Amino acid sequence: MAVTLAVRVKPGASRTKAGGRYEGSHGPALVVAVSAPAVDGRATEAVLRAVAEAFGLRKSAVTLRTGHTSRDKLLQIDPEPQDFAARLAALLG
């Protein structure tokens, strides 16, 4: 079963890191900082990789649903990791 995850992207960071909470347009969102710039979808691709790594998944398990050009994005994770809720709670802080 798939799960939807709201994220807030911080492009151009000094290093890639998933962690923190942001009250965004889609509700509480996971903050994902990436070193890639917000040019030609490079930041979005970096976010997909960072989220997959944070949840211990292959990159192909994480896809973009909405927010192609926005800092606020909705991602779909399929299949839902068994420990998704616990990992998300830890990442949100």
Protein backbone atom coordinates (compact mmCIF):
# COMPACT_ATOMS: atom_id res chain seq x y z
CA MET A 1 0.00 0.00 0.00
CA ALA A 2 1.28 3.48 -0.90
CA VAL A 3 1.61 6.43 1.45
CA THR A 4 1.77 10.17 0.71
CA LEU A 5 4.47 12.30 2.32
CA ALA A 6 4.55 16.12 2.37
CA VAL A 7 8.04 17.62 2.14
CA ARG A 8 9.52 21.12 2.23
CA VAL A 9 12.62 21.45 0.06
CA LYS A 10 15.64 23.61 0.90
CA PRO A 11 17.78 23.64 -2.26
CA GLY A 12 21.38 24.81 -2.31
CA ALA A 13 22.18 23.60 1.22
CA SER A 14 25.74 22.80 2.23
CA ARG A 15 24.82 19.12 2.60
CA THR A 16 21.88 16.81 1.98
CA LYS A 17 19.81 16.02 5.07
CA ALA A 18 16.24 14.93 5.82
CA GLY A 19 14.96 16.10 9.17
CA GLY A 20 12.81 18.75 10.76
CA ARG A 21 9.22 19.85 10.58
CA TYR A 22 7.57 22.61 8.53
CA GLU A 23 3.91 23.61 8.64
CA GLY A 24 3.33 23.94 4.94
CA SER A 25 0.49 24.15 2.47
CA HIS A 26 -0.03 20.36 2.64
CA GLY A 27 0.05 20.22 6.46
CA PRO A 28 3.04 19.10 8.53
CA ALA A 29 5.93 18.45 6.16
CA LEU A 30 9.33 16.81 6.43
CA VAL A 31 12.15 19.28 5.71
CA VAL A 32 14.64 17.97 3.16
CA ALA A 33 17.77 20.04 2.53
CA VAL A 34 19.69 19.22 -0.65
CA SER A 35 22.91 20.59 -2.08
CA ALA A 36 21.51 20.55 -5.62
CA PRO A 37 20.27 23.87 -7.01
CA ALA A 38 16.62 24.41 -7.94
CA VAL A 39 17.41 24.27 -11.66
CA ASP A 40 16.04 21.84 -14.25
CA GLY A 41 14.57 19.51 -11.62
CA ARG A 42 17.93 18.71 -10.01
CA ALA A 43 16.73 19.60 -6.50
CA THR A 44 13.63 17.44 -6.93
CA GLU A 45 15.73 14.44 -8.01
CA ALA A 46 17.99 14.97 -5.02
CA VAL A 47 14.95 15.08 -2.73
CA LEU A 48 13.66 11.78 -4.09
CA ARG A 49 17.05 10.17 -3.44
CA ALA A 50 17.32 11.69 0.07
CA VAL A 51 13.84 10.53 1.10
CA ALA A 52 14.45 7.04 -0.26
CA GLU A 53 17.70 6.85 1.71
CA ALA A 54 16.06 8.19 4.89
CA PHE A 55 13.45 5.42 4.78
CA GLY A 56 15.83 2.69 3.60
CA LEU A 57 14.18 2.29 0.19
CA ARG A 58 15.21 2.16 -3.45
CA LYS A 59 14.83 5.50 -5.24
CA SER A 60 12.24 3.95 -7.56
CA ALA A 61 9.89 3.49 -4.56
CA VAL A 62 9.60 7.28 -4.14
CA THR A 63 7.81 9.37 -6.81
CA LEU A 64 6.70 12.98 -7.08
CA ARG A 65 2.92 13.52 -7.01
CA THR A 66 2.66 17.34 -6.94
CA GLY A 67 4.94 20.34 -6.68
CA HIS A 68 7.27 20.05 -9.67
CA THR A 69 8.39 23.68 -9.34
CA SER A 70 7.45 24.35 -5.71
CA ARG A 71 9.37 23.99 -2.47
CA ASP A 72 6.28 22.26 -1.03
CA LYS A 73 5.91 18.82 -2.60
CA LEU A 74 3.85 15.69 -2.13
CA LEU A 75 5.70 12.43 -2.62
CA GLN A 76 4.28 8.94 -2.95
CA ILE A 77 6.12 6.06 -1.32
CA ASP A 78 5.12 2.65 -2.65
CA PRO A 79 5.16 0.26 -0.92
CA GLU A 80 4.85 1.82 2.53
CA PRO A 81 7.78 0.76 4.73
CA GLN A 82 6.71 -1.29 7.75
CA ASP A 83 8.37 1.16 10.14
CA PHE A 84 7.23 4.27 8.24
CA ALA A 85 5.42 5.94 11.16
CA ALA A 86 8.34 5.46 13.55
CA ARG A 87 10.93 6.72 11.05
CA LEU A 88 8.78 9.71 10.11
CA ALA A 89 8.25 10.65 13.76
CA ALA A 90 12.02 10.48 14.34
CA LEU A 91 12.75 12.61 11.27
CA LEU A 92 10.13 15.21 12.17
CA GLY A 93 11.66 15.53 15.62
